[in-house]
PDB file of N, CA and C in Angstrom:
ATOM      1  N   MET A   1     307.366 152.181  85.539  1.00  0.00           N
ATOM      2  CA  MET A   1     306.974 152.033  84.162  1.00  0.00           C
ATOM      3  C   MET A   1     306.369 150.674  83.875  1.00  0.00           C
ATOM      4  N   GLY A   2     306.876 149.623  84.513  1.00  0.00           N
ATOM      5  CA  GLY A   2     306.358 148.287  84.258  1.00  0.00           C
ATOM      6  C   GLY A   2     304.885 148.166  84.583  1.00  0.00           C
ATOM      7  N   GLY A   3     304.424 148.856  85.633  1.00  0.00           N
ATOM      8  CA  GLY A   3     303.022 148.808  86.009  1.00  0.00           C
ATOM      9  C   GLY A   3     302.116 149.384  84.940  1.00  0.00           C
ATOM     10  N   LEU A   4     302.568 150.451  84.306  1.00  0.00           N
ATOM     11  CA  LEU A   4     301.745 151.067  83.269  1.00  0.00           C
ATOM     12  C   LEU A   4     301.568 150.142  82.083  1.00  0.00           C
ATOM     13  N   GLY A   5     302.641 149.440  81.709  1.00  0.00           N
ATOM     14  CA  GLY A   5     302.524 148.498  80.599  1.00  0.00           C
ATOM     15  C   GLY A   5     301.550 147.386  80.914  1.00  0.00           C
ATOM     16  N   GLY A   6     301.582 146.880  82.146  1.00  0.00           N
ATOM     17  CA  GLY A   6     300.665 145.835  82.555  1.00  0.00           C
ATOM     18  C   GLY A   6     299.226 146.309  82.528  1.00  0.00           C
ATOM     19  N   GLU A   7     298.987 147.537  82.996  1.00  0.00           N
ATOM     20  CA  GLU A   7     297.631 148.087  82.977  1.00  0.00           C
ATOM     21  C   GLU A   7     297.144 148.263  81.552  1.00  0.00           C
ATOM     22  N   GLY A   8     298.027 148.666  80.661  1.00  0.00           N
ATOM     23  CA  GLY A   8     297.650 148.829  79.263  1.00  0.00           C
ATOM     24  C   GLY A   8     297.216 147.516  78.648  1.00  0.00           C
ATOM     25  N   ARG A   9     297.951 146.444  78.969  1.00  0.00           N
ATOM     26  CA  ARG A   9     297.563 145.121  78.448  1.00  0.00           C
ATOM     27  C   ARG A   9     296.213 144.696  79.011  1.00  0.00           C
ATOM     28  N   LEU A  10     295.976 144.976  80.292  1.00  0.00           N
ATOM     29  CA  LEU A  10     294.711 144.618  80.910  1.00  0.00           C
ATOM     30  C   LEU A  10     293.561 145.376  80.252  1.00  0.00           C
ATOM     31  N   MET A  11     293.741 146.651  79.997  1.00  0.00           N
ATOM     32  CA  MET A  11     292.683 147.458  79.389  1.00  0.00           C
ATOM     33  C   MET A  11     292.313 146.915  78.011  1.00  0.00           C
ATOM     34  N   ARG A  12     293.287 146.426  77.252  1.00  0.00           N
ATOM     35  CA  ARG A  12     293.004 145.893  75.922  1.00  0.00           C
ATOM     36  C   ARG A  12     292.274 144.560  75.995  1.00  0.00           C
ATOM     37  N   MET A  13     292.346 143.885  77.132  1.00  0.00           N
ATOM     38  CA  MET A  13     291.701 142.587  77.272  1.00  0.00           C
ATOM     39  C   MET A  13     290.231 142.722  77.667  1.00  0.00           C
ATOM     40  N   LEU A  14     289.803 143.906  78.069  1.00  0.00           N
ATOM     41  CA  LEU A  14     288.408 144.149  78.431  1.00  0.00           C
ATOM     42  C   LEU A  14     287.768 145.038  77.379  1.00  0.00           C
ATOM     43  N   GLU A  15     286.643 144.613  76.860  1.00  0.00           N
ATOM     44  CA  GLU A  15     285.898 145.373  75.865  1.00  0.00           C
ATOM     45  C   GLU A  15     284.453 145.510  76.330  1.00  0.00           C
ATOM     46  N   SER A  16     283.874 146.636  76.048  1.00  0.00           N
ATOM     47  CA  SER A  16     282.469 146.877  76.370  1.00  0.00           C
ATOM     48  C   SER A  16     281.662 146.765  75.082  1.00  0.00           C
ATOM     49  N   GLN A  17     280.523 146.096  75.152  1.00  0.00           N
ATOM     50  CA  GLN A  17     279.693 145.905  73.960  1.00  0.00           C
ATOM     51  C   GLN A  17     278.224 146.132  74.307  1.00  0.00           C
ATOM     52  N   GLU A  18     277.562 146.951  73.514  1.00  0.00           N
ATOM     53  CA  GLU A  18     276.120 147.144  73.682  1.00  0.00           C
ATOM     54  C   GLU A  18     275.385 146.040  72.934  1.00  0.00           C
ATOM     55  N   TYR A  19     274.197 145.694  73.424  1.00  0.00           N
ATOM     56  CA  TYR A  19     273.379 144.667  72.785  1.00  0.00           C
ATOM     57  C   TYR A  19     271.912 144.966  73.098  1.00  0.00           C
ATOM     58  N   ASP A  20     271.019 144.307  72.380  1.00  0.00           N
ATOM     59  CA  ASP A  20     269.583 144.373  72.661  1.00  0.00           C
ATOM     60  C   ASP A  20     269.140 143.001  73.153  1.00  0.00           C
ATOM     61  N   CYS A  21     268.343 142.983  74.219  1.00  0.00           N
ATOM     62  CA  CYS A  21     267.836 141.723  74.744  1.00  0.00           C
ATOM     63  C   CYS A  21     267.060 141.004  73.642  1.00  0.00           C
ATOM     64  N   PRO A  22     267.358 139.723  73.394  1.00  0.00           N
ATOM     65  CA  PRO A  22     266.658 138.985  72.345  1.00  0.00           C
ATOM     66  C   PRO A  22     265.202 138.653  72.700  1.00  0.00           C
ATOM     67  N   TYR A  23     264.797 138.907  73.936  1.00  0.00           N
ATOM     68  CA  TYR A  23     263.417 138.661  74.361  1.00  0.00           C
ATOM     69  C   TYR A  23     262.587 139.938  74.321  1.00  0.00           C
ATOM     70  N   CYS A  24     263.011 140.949  75.080  1.00  0.00           N
ATOM     71  CA  CYS A  24     262.191 142.158  75.228  1.00  0.00           C
ATOM     72  C   CYS A  24     262.694 143.350  74.418  1.00  0.00           C
ATOM     73  N   GLY A  25     263.889 143.240  73.840  1.00  0.00           N
ATOM     74  CA  GLY A  25     264.418 144.297  72.995  1.00  0.00           C
ATOM     75  C   GLY A  25     265.087 145.455  73.725  1.00  0.00           C
ATOM     76  N   GLU A  26     265.118 145.405  75.050  1.00  0.00           N
ATOM     77  CA  GLU A  26     265.751 146.484  75.812  1.00  0.00           C
ATOM     78  C   GLU A  26     267.257 146.492  75.588  1.00  0.00           C
ATOM     79  N   PRO A  27     267.842 147.681  75.455  1.00  0.00           N
ATOM     80  CA  PRO A  27     269.297 147.748  75.285  1.00  0.00           C
ATOM     81  C   PRO A  27     270.025 147.427  76.580  1.00  0.00           C
ATOM     82  N   GLY A  28     271.199 146.875  76.440  1.00  0.00           N
ATOM     83  CA  GLY A  28     272.050 146.563  77.584  1.00  0.00           C
ATOM     84  C   GLY A  28     273.501 146.698  77.179  1.00  0.00           C
ATOM     85  N   GLU A  29     274.375 146.505  78.128  1.00  0.00           N
ATOM     86  CA  GLU A  29     275.813 146.573  77.865  1.00  0.00           C
ATOM     87  C   GLU A  29     276.505 145.486  78.672  1.00  0.00           C
ATOM     88  N   VAL A  30     277.474 144.855  78.057  1.00  0.00           N
ATOM     89  CA  VAL A  30     278.226 143.793  78.713  1.00  0.00           C
ATOM     90  C   VAL A  30     279.713 144.092  78.561  1.00  0.00           C
ATOM     91  N   VAL A  31     280.496 143.759  79.591  1.00  0.00           N
ATOM     92  CA  VAL A  31     281.949 143.880  79.530  1.00  0.00           C
ATOM     93  C   VAL A  31     282.512 142.491  79.233  1.00  0.00           C
ATOM     94  N   LEU A  32     283.309 142.409  78.189  1.00  0.00           N
ATOM     95  CA  LEU A  32     283.870 141.144  77.736  1.00  0.00           C
ATOM     96  C   LEU A  32     285.322 141.029  78.155  1.00  0.00           C
ATOM     97  N   ASP A  33     285.704 139.894  78.706  1.00  0.00           N
ATOM     98  CA  ASP A  33     287.085 139.619  79.084  1.00  0.00           C
ATOM     99  C   ASP A  33     287.700 138.753  77.990  1.00  0.00           C
ATOM    100  N   LEU A  34     288.475 139.375  77.115  1.00  0.00           N
ATOM    101  CA  LEU A  34     289.050 138.669  75.979  1.00  0.00           C
ATOM    102  C   LEU A  34     290.181 137.731  76.380  1.00  0.00           C
ATOM    103  N   SER A  35     290.702 137.876  77.598  1.00  0.00           N
ATOM    104  CA  SER A  35     291.828 137.047  78.032  1.00  0.00           C
ATOM    105  C   SER A  35     291.421 135.596  78.264  1.00  0.00           C
ATOM    106  N   GLY A  36     290.133 135.325  78.398  1.00  0.00           N
ATOM    107  CA  GLY A  36     289.663 133.972  78.666  1.00  0.00           C
ATOM    108  C   GLY A  36     289.426 133.140  77.423  1.00  0.00           C
ATOM    109  N   GLY A  37     289.671 133.694  76.248  1.00  0.00           N
ATOM    110  CA  GLY A  37     289.443 132.947  75.009  1.00  0.00           C
ATOM    111  C   GLY A  37     287.952 132.823  74.710  1.00  0.00           C
ATOM    112  N   ASP A  38     287.595 131.837  73.904  1.00  0.00           N
ATOM    113  CA  ASP A  38     286.201 131.611  73.529  1.00  0.00           C
ATOM    114  C   ASP A  38     285.386 131.274  74.771  1.00  0.00           C
ATOM    115  N   GLN A  39     284.187 131.853  74.858  1.00  0.00           N
ATOM    116  CA  GLN A  39     283.337 131.645  76.025  1.00  0.00           C
ATOM    117  C   GLN A  39     281.872 131.616  75.620  1.00  0.00           C
ATOM    118  N   ASP A  40     281.106 130.776  76.278  1.00  0.00           N
ATOM    119  CA  ASP A  40     279.642 130.785  76.218  1.00  0.00           C
ATOM    120  C   ASP A  40     279.169 130.974  77.650  1.00  0.00           C
ATOM    121  N   TYR A  41     278.330 131.963  77.892  1.00  0.00           N
ATOM    122  CA  TYR A  41     277.831 132.164  79.255  1.00  0.00           C
ATOM    123  C   TYR A  41     276.484 132.853  79.217  1.00  0.00           C
ATOM    124  N   TYR A  42     275.766 132.752  80.328  1.00  0.00           N
ATOM    125  CA  TYR A  42     274.439 133.330  80.465  1.00  0.00           C
ATOM    126  C   TYR A  42     274.460 134.495  81.444  1.00  0.00           C
ATOM    127  N   GLU A  43     273.667 135.511  81.124  1.00  0.00           N
ATOM    128  CA  GLU A  43     273.353 136.590  82.059  1.00  0.00           C
ATOM    129  C   GLU A  43     271.868 136.876  81.896  1.00  0.00           C
ATOM    130  N   ASP A  44     271.203 137.200  82.985  1.00  0.00           N
ATOM    131  CA  ASP A  44     269.787 137.541  82.917  1.00  0.00           C
ATOM    132  C   ASP A  44     269.613 138.981  82.474  1.00  0.00           C
ATOM    133  N   CYS A  45     268.589 139.233  81.678  1.00  0.00           N
ATOM    134  CA  CYS A  45     268.232 140.589  81.272  1.00  0.00           C
ATOM    135  C   CYS A  45     267.840 141.384  82.522  1.00  0.00           C
ATOM    136  N   ALA A  46     268.332 142.602  82.625  1.00  0.00           N
ATOM    137  CA  ALA A  46     268.031 143.448  83.789  1.00  0.00           C
ATOM    138  C   ALA A  46     266.574 143.893  83.804  1.00  0.00           C
ATOM    139  N   VAL A  47     265.884 143.819  82.661  1.00  0.00           N
ATOM    140  CA  VAL A  47     264.494 144.270  82.574  1.00  0.00           C
ATOM    141  C   VAL A  47     263.513 143.108  82.694  1.00  0.00           C
ATOM    142  N   CYS A  48     263.651 142.103  81.822  1.00  0.00           N
ATOM    143  CA  CYS A  48     262.667 141.014  81.803  1.00  0.00           C
ATOM    144  C   CYS A  48     263.140 139.773  82.567  1.00  0.00           C
ATOM    145  N   CYS A  49     264.387 139.756  83.012  1.00  0.00           N
ATOM    146  CA  CYS A  49     264.963 138.682  83.832  1.00  0.00           C
ATOM    147  C   CYS A  49     265.080 137.334  83.120  1.00  0.00           C
ATOM    148  N   ARG A  50     264.961 137.315  81.805  1.00  0.00           N
ATOM    149  CA  ARG A  50     265.110 136.054  81.081  1.00  0.00           C
ATOM    150  C   ARG A  50     266.576 135.818  80.746  1.00  0.00           C
ATOM    151  N   PRO A  51     266.992 134.548  80.634  1.00  0.00           N
ATOM    152  CA  PRO A  51     268.414 134.235  80.419  1.00  0.00           C
ATOM    153  C   PRO A  51     268.858 134.513  78.978  1.00  0.00           C
ATOM    154  N   ILE A  52     269.925 135.296  78.855  1.00  0.00           N
ATOM    155  CA  ILE A  52     270.512 135.627  77.558  1.00  0.00           C
ATOM    156  C   ILE A  52     271.798 134.827  77.420  1.00  0.00           C
ATOM    157  N   LEU A  53     271.961 134.155  76.286  1.00  0.00           N
ATOM    158  CA  LEU A  53     273.187 133.420  76.000  1.00  0.00           C
ATOM    159  C   LEU A  53     274.133 134.330  75.222  1.00  0.00           C
ATOM    160  N   PHE A  54     275.315 134.536  75.767  1.00  0.00           N
ATOM    161  CA  PHE A  54     276.365 135.295  75.105  1.00  0.00           C
ATOM    162  C   PHE A  54     277.398 134.295  74.593  1.00  0.00           C
ATOM    163  N   VAL A  55     277.710 134.379  73.300  1.00  0.00           N
ATOM    164  CA  VAL A  55     278.690 133.501  72.672  1.00  0.00           C
ATOM    165  C   VAL A  55     279.825 134.393  72.187  1.00  0.00           C
ATOM    166  N   LEU A  56     280.959 134.345  72.880  1.00  0.00           N
ATOM    167  CA  LEU A  56     282.126 135.158  72.552  1.00  0.00           C
ATOM    168  C   LEU A  56     283.161 134.291  71.867  1.00  0.00           C
ATOM    169  N   ARG A  57     283.632 134.753  70.728  1.00  0.00           N
ATOM    170  CA  ARG A  57     284.724 134.095  70.020  1.00  0.00           C
ATOM    171  C   ARG A  57     285.838 135.125  69.876  1.00  0.00           C
ATOM    172  N   THR A  58     287.044 134.746  70.335  1.00  0.00           N
ATOM    173  CA  THR A  58     288.158 135.688  70.317  1.00  0.00           C
ATOM    174  C   THR A  58     289.493 134.978  70.220  1.00  0.00           C
ATOM    175  N   ASP A  59     290.456 135.685  69.654  1.00  0.00           N
ATOM    176  CA  ASP A  59     291.838 135.211  69.675  1.00  0.00           C
ATOM    177  C   ASP A  59     292.677 136.091  70.597  1.00  0.00           C
ATOM    178  N   GLY A  60     292.022 136.926  71.402  1.00  0.00           N
ATOM    179  CA  GLY A  60     292.708 137.821  72.318  1.00  0.00           C
ATOM    180  C   GLY A  60     292.792 139.246  71.801  1.00  0.00           C
ATOM    181  N   GLU A  61     292.661 139.434  70.497  1.00  0.00           N
ATOM    182  CA  GLU A  61     292.655 140.773  69.909  1.00  0.00           C
ATOM    183  C   GLU A  61     291.365 141.009  69.130  1.00  0.00           C
ATOM    184  N   ASN A  62     291.097 140.171  68.157  1.00  0.00           N
ATOM    185  CA  ASN A  62     289.866 140.268  67.372  1.00  0.00           C
ATOM    186  C   ASN A  62     288.792 139.434  68.070  1.00  0.00           C
ATOM    187  N   TRP A  63     287.564 139.899  67.994  1.00  0.00           N
ATOM    188  CA  TRP A  63     286.509 139.165  68.682  1.00  0.00           C
ATOM    189  C   TRP A  63     285.164 139.398  68.008  1.00  0.00           C
ATOM    190  N   GLY A  64     284.235 138.489  68.291  1.00  0.00           N
ATOM    191  CA  GLY A  64     282.858 138.596  67.832  1.00  0.00           C
ATOM    192  C   GLY A  64     281.939 138.103  68.935  1.00  0.00           C
ATOM    193  N   LEU A  65     280.782 138.728  69.052  1.00  0.00           N
ATOM    194  CA  LEU A  65     279.826 138.360  70.092  1.00  0.00           C
ATOM    195  C   LEU A  65     278.469 138.103  69.471  1.00  0.00           C
ATOM    196  N   GLU A  66     277.891 136.960  69.788  1.00  0.00           N
ATOM    197  CA  GLU A  66     276.510 136.648  69.424  1.00  0.00           C
ATOM    198  C   GLU A  66     275.677 136.706  70.691  1.00  0.00           C
ATOM    199  N   VAL A  67     274.483 137.267  70.574  1.00  0.00           N
ATOM    200  CA  VAL A  67     273.552 137.360  71.703  1.00  0.00           C
ATOM    201  C   VAL A  67     272.302 136.589  71.288  1.00  0.00           C
ATOM    202  N   ARG A  68     271.966 135.547  72.055  1.00  0.00           N
ATOM    203  CA  ARG A  68     270.872 134.654  71.656  1.00  0.00           C
ATOM    204  C   ARG A  68     269.899 134.413  72.808  1.00  0.00           C
ATOM    205  N   ARG A  69     268.711 133.993  72.422  1.00  0.00           N
ATOM    206  CA  ARG A  69     267.747 133.484  73.394  1.00  0.00           C
ATOM    207  C   ARG A  69     268.218 132.113  73.867  1.00  0.00           C
ATOM    208  N   GLU A  70     267.837 131.736  75.051  1.00  0.00           N
ATOM    209  CA  GLU A  70     268.210 130.428  75.577  1.00  0.00           C
ATOM    210  C   GLU A  70     267.615 129.306  74.719  1.00  0.00           C
ATOM    211  N   ASP A  71     266.437 129.530  74.154  1.00  0.00           N
ATOM    212  CA  ASP A  71     265.747 128.489  73.389  1.00  0.00           C
ATOM    213  C   ASP A  71     266.051 128.501  71.890  1.00  0.00           C
ATOM    214  N   ASP A  72     267.051 129.280  71.462  1.00  0.00           N
ATOM    215  CA  ASP A  72     267.439 129.295  70.038  1.00  0.00           C
ATOM    216  C   ASP A  72     268.316 128.118  69.695  1.00  0.00           C
TER     217      ASP A  72
END
């Protein structure tokens, strides 16, 4: 039983979020790890290969994500 509770907590710490590339407008999806707290990180767009800045703000349960161009 203890393993199931641990897996449940892990599942709540990962969230999937759809977004549109701020450069080319193509849709994408990112998996967010809420256990790491507030995060700023870059991932390249799978279509146009330009760097997207993801700004995650979270308290571990509630969260918000901003998706920006590198030059914003």
